[in-house]
Amino acid sequence: MDQLNLKQLEQIPIPEGLSERLSAKIDEWEQQELQQQHARQHAKQRKLYPSIWRITAVAACMALVFGVGYHLLSQDEYQNLAEQDTYQDPVKAQQEAQRALTLLAVNLNRGMGHLEKAKALSDKTERTLNEQLNNLK
């Protein structure tokens, strides 16, 4: 019976261009399958990003809370240390205060020197600019 069916099938005429149309249709199906796979992968990635953002946001909030708490605790400890006298001997305290004020004066004088140099340069630049503007008139 199988041979009979094969002989009958061989006698059926094949339309022109059938193999090209079948090949084109198979290619189209493959393209659709690739597009569907790409769409599924893209959907998985879209689902992944929001969860990553949520995890990142939770971690950032926790870091912020711990940072603020640590700062407040260390600030309390610092205030407790600041309230204590650092020197029991008044002479030593005066010497240390004098040293700190001297250091402040030296740094202030150094800063004033830089400021004077900058002012001199600014004045020179302003004079040059005014001379050039006067020459243009």
Protein backbone atom coordinates (compact mmCIF):
# COMPACT_ATOMS: atom_id res chain seq x y z
CA MET A 1 0.00 0.00 0.00
CA ASP A 2 2.90 2.39 0.74
CA GLN A 3 4.27 1.83 -2.75
CA LEU A 4 0.95 2.55 -4.29
CA ASN A 5 0.64 5.83 -2.46
CA LEU A 6 4.15 6.82 -3.51
CA LYS A 7 3.40 6.12 -7.17
CA GLN A 8 0.23 8.14 -6.98
CA LEU A 9 2.06 10.98 -5.30
CA GLU A 10 4.78 10.98 -7.96
CA GLN A 11 2.14 11.42 -10.65
CA ILE A 12 0.73 14.60 -9.07
CA PRO A 13 2.13 17.62 -10.94
CA ILE A 14 4.18 20.12 -8.85
CA PRO A 15 3.19 23.75 -9.41
CA GLU A 16 5.87 26.11 -10.70
CA GLY A 17 7.77 28.09 -8.04
CA LEU A 18 6.50 25.91 -5.20
CA SER A 19 9.98 25.22 -3.81
CA GLU A 20 10.87 28.93 -3.85
CA ARG A 21 7.63 29.86 -2.09
CA LEU A 22 8.15 27.12 0.51
CA SER A 23 11.72 28.27 1.07
CA ALA A 24 10.58 31.89 1.45
CA LYS A 25 7.84 30.86 3.89
CA ILE A 26 10.31 28.81 5.99
CA ASP A 27 12.70 31.78 6.07
CA GLU A 28 9.83 34.03 7.16
CA TRP A 29 8.93 31.63 9.98
CA GLU A 30 12.57 31.54 11.12
CA GLN A 31 12.70 35.34 11.16
CA GLN A 32 9.49 35.48 13.19
CA GLU A 33 10.92 32.96 15.65
CA LEU A 34 14.12 35.01 16.03
CA GLN A 35 12.09 38.18 16.60
CA GLN A 36 9.98 36.43 19.23
CA GLN A 37 13.11 35.18 21.00
CA HIS A 38 14.58 38.68 20.93
CA ALA A 39 11.33 40.12 22.31
CA ARG A 40 11.33 37.56 25.13
CA GLN A 41 14.95 38.37 26.03
CA HIS A 42 14.18 42.09 25.96
CA ALA A 43 11.16 41.54 28.23
CA LYS A 44 13.35 39.62 30.70
CA GLN A 45 15.85 42.49 30.72
CA ARG A 46 13.08 45.03 31.30
CA LYS A 47 11.90 43.00 34.27
CA LEU A 48 15.46 42.78 35.62
CA TYR A 49 16.17 46.53 35.61
CA PRO A 50 13.39 47.59 38.02
CA SER A 51 14.49 45.01 40.56
CA ILE A 52 18.09 46.23 40.31
CA TRP A 53 16.92 49.82 40.84
CA ARG A 54 14.87 48.79 43.85
CA ILE A 55 17.81 46.94 45.40
CA THR A 56 20.10 49.90 44.73
CA ALA A 57 17.61 52.33 46.26
CA VAL A 58 17.23 50.20 49.39
CA ALA A 59 21.02 49.92 49.75
CA ALA A 60 21.44 53.69 49.31
CA CYS A 61 18.78 54.40 51.93
CA MET A 62 20.41 52.02 54.38
CA ALA A 63 23.82 53.63 53.79
CA LEU A 64 22.30 57.06 54.34
CA VAL A 65 20.61 56.01 57.58
CA PHE A 66 23.78 54.38 58.92
CA GLY A 67 25.86 57.39 57.88
CA VAL A 68 23.57 59.88 59.61
CA GLY A 69 23.38 57.70 62.73
CA TYR A 70 27.16 57.32 62.86
CA HIS A 71 27.61 61.07 62.42
CA LEU A 72 25.17 61.87 65.21
CA LEU A 73 26.79 59.37 67.58
CA SER A 74 30.30 60.62 66.85
CA GLN A 75 29.13 64.22 67.22
CA ASP A 76 27.78 63.43 70.70
CA GLU A 77 31.11 61.84 71.67
CA TYR A 78 33.01 64.84 70.31
CA GLN A 79 30.85 67.25 72.28
CA ASN A 80 31.49 65.26 75.44
CA LEU A 81 35.24 65.49 74.81
CA ALA A 82 35.02 69.22 74.02
CA GLU A 83 33.29 69.96 77.30
CA GLN A 84 36.17 68.54 79.31
CA ASP A 85 39.18 70.67 80.21
CA THR A 86 42.14 69.68 78.12
CA TYR A 87 44.76 71.19 80.40
CA GLN A 88 44.79 71.10 84.18
CA ASP A 89 47.75 73.48 84.36
CA PRO A 90 46.77 77.10 83.45
CA VAL A 91 50.32 77.98 82.36
CA LYS A 92 50.38 75.07 79.92
CA ALA A 93 46.93 76.05 78.63
CA GLN A 94 48.14 79.62 78.08
CA GLN A 95 51.21 78.39 76.20
CA GLU A 96 49.08 76.17 73.98
CA ALA A 97 46.64 79.02 73.29
CA GLN A 98 49.57 81.31 72.46
CA ARG A 99 50.99 78.71 70.07
CA ALA A 100 47.60 78.33 68.34
CA LEU A 101 47.19 82.10 68.00
CA THR A 102 50.71 82.45 66.60
CA LEU A 103 50.01 79.74 64.05
CA LEU A 104 46.79 81.53 63.10
CA ALA A 105 48.63 84.87 62.73
CA VAL A 106 51.36 83.34 60.56
CA ASN A 107 48.85 81.71 58.24
CA LEU A 108 46.74 84.86 58.12
CA ASN A 109 49.79 86.97 57.23
CA ARG A 110 50.76 84.49 54.53
CA GLY A 111 47.24 84.69 53.11
CA MET A 112 47.33 88.48 53.21
CA GLY A 113 50.62 88.41 51.29
CA HIS A 114 49.02 86.30 48.57
CA LEU A 115 46.05 88.66 48.55
CA GLU A 116 48.33 91.68 48.10
CA LYS A 117 50.12 89.99 45.18
CA ALA A 118 46.77 89.19 43.56
CA LYS A 119 45.58 92.78 44.08
CA ALA A 120 48.77 94.16 42.51
CA LEU A 121 48.35 91.87 39.52
CA SER A 122 44.69 92.86 39.23
CA ASP A 123 45.60 96.56 39.35
CA LYS A 124 48.27 96.07 36.68
CA THR A 125 45.80 94.22 34.46
CA GLU A 126 43.19 96.93 34.97
CA ARG A 127 45.68 99.68 34.07
CA THR A 128 46.75 97.82 30.92
CA LEU A 129 43.14 97.28 29.91
CA ASN A 130 42.29 100.94 30.46
CA GLU A 131 45.32 102.02 28.40
CA GLN A 132 44.27 99.76 25.54
CA LEU A 133 40.69 101.04 25.67
CA ASN A 134 41.93 104.63 25.66
CA ASN A 135 44.14 103.90 22.62
CA LEU A 136 41.09 102.53 20.76
CA LYS A 137 39.12 105.73 21.33
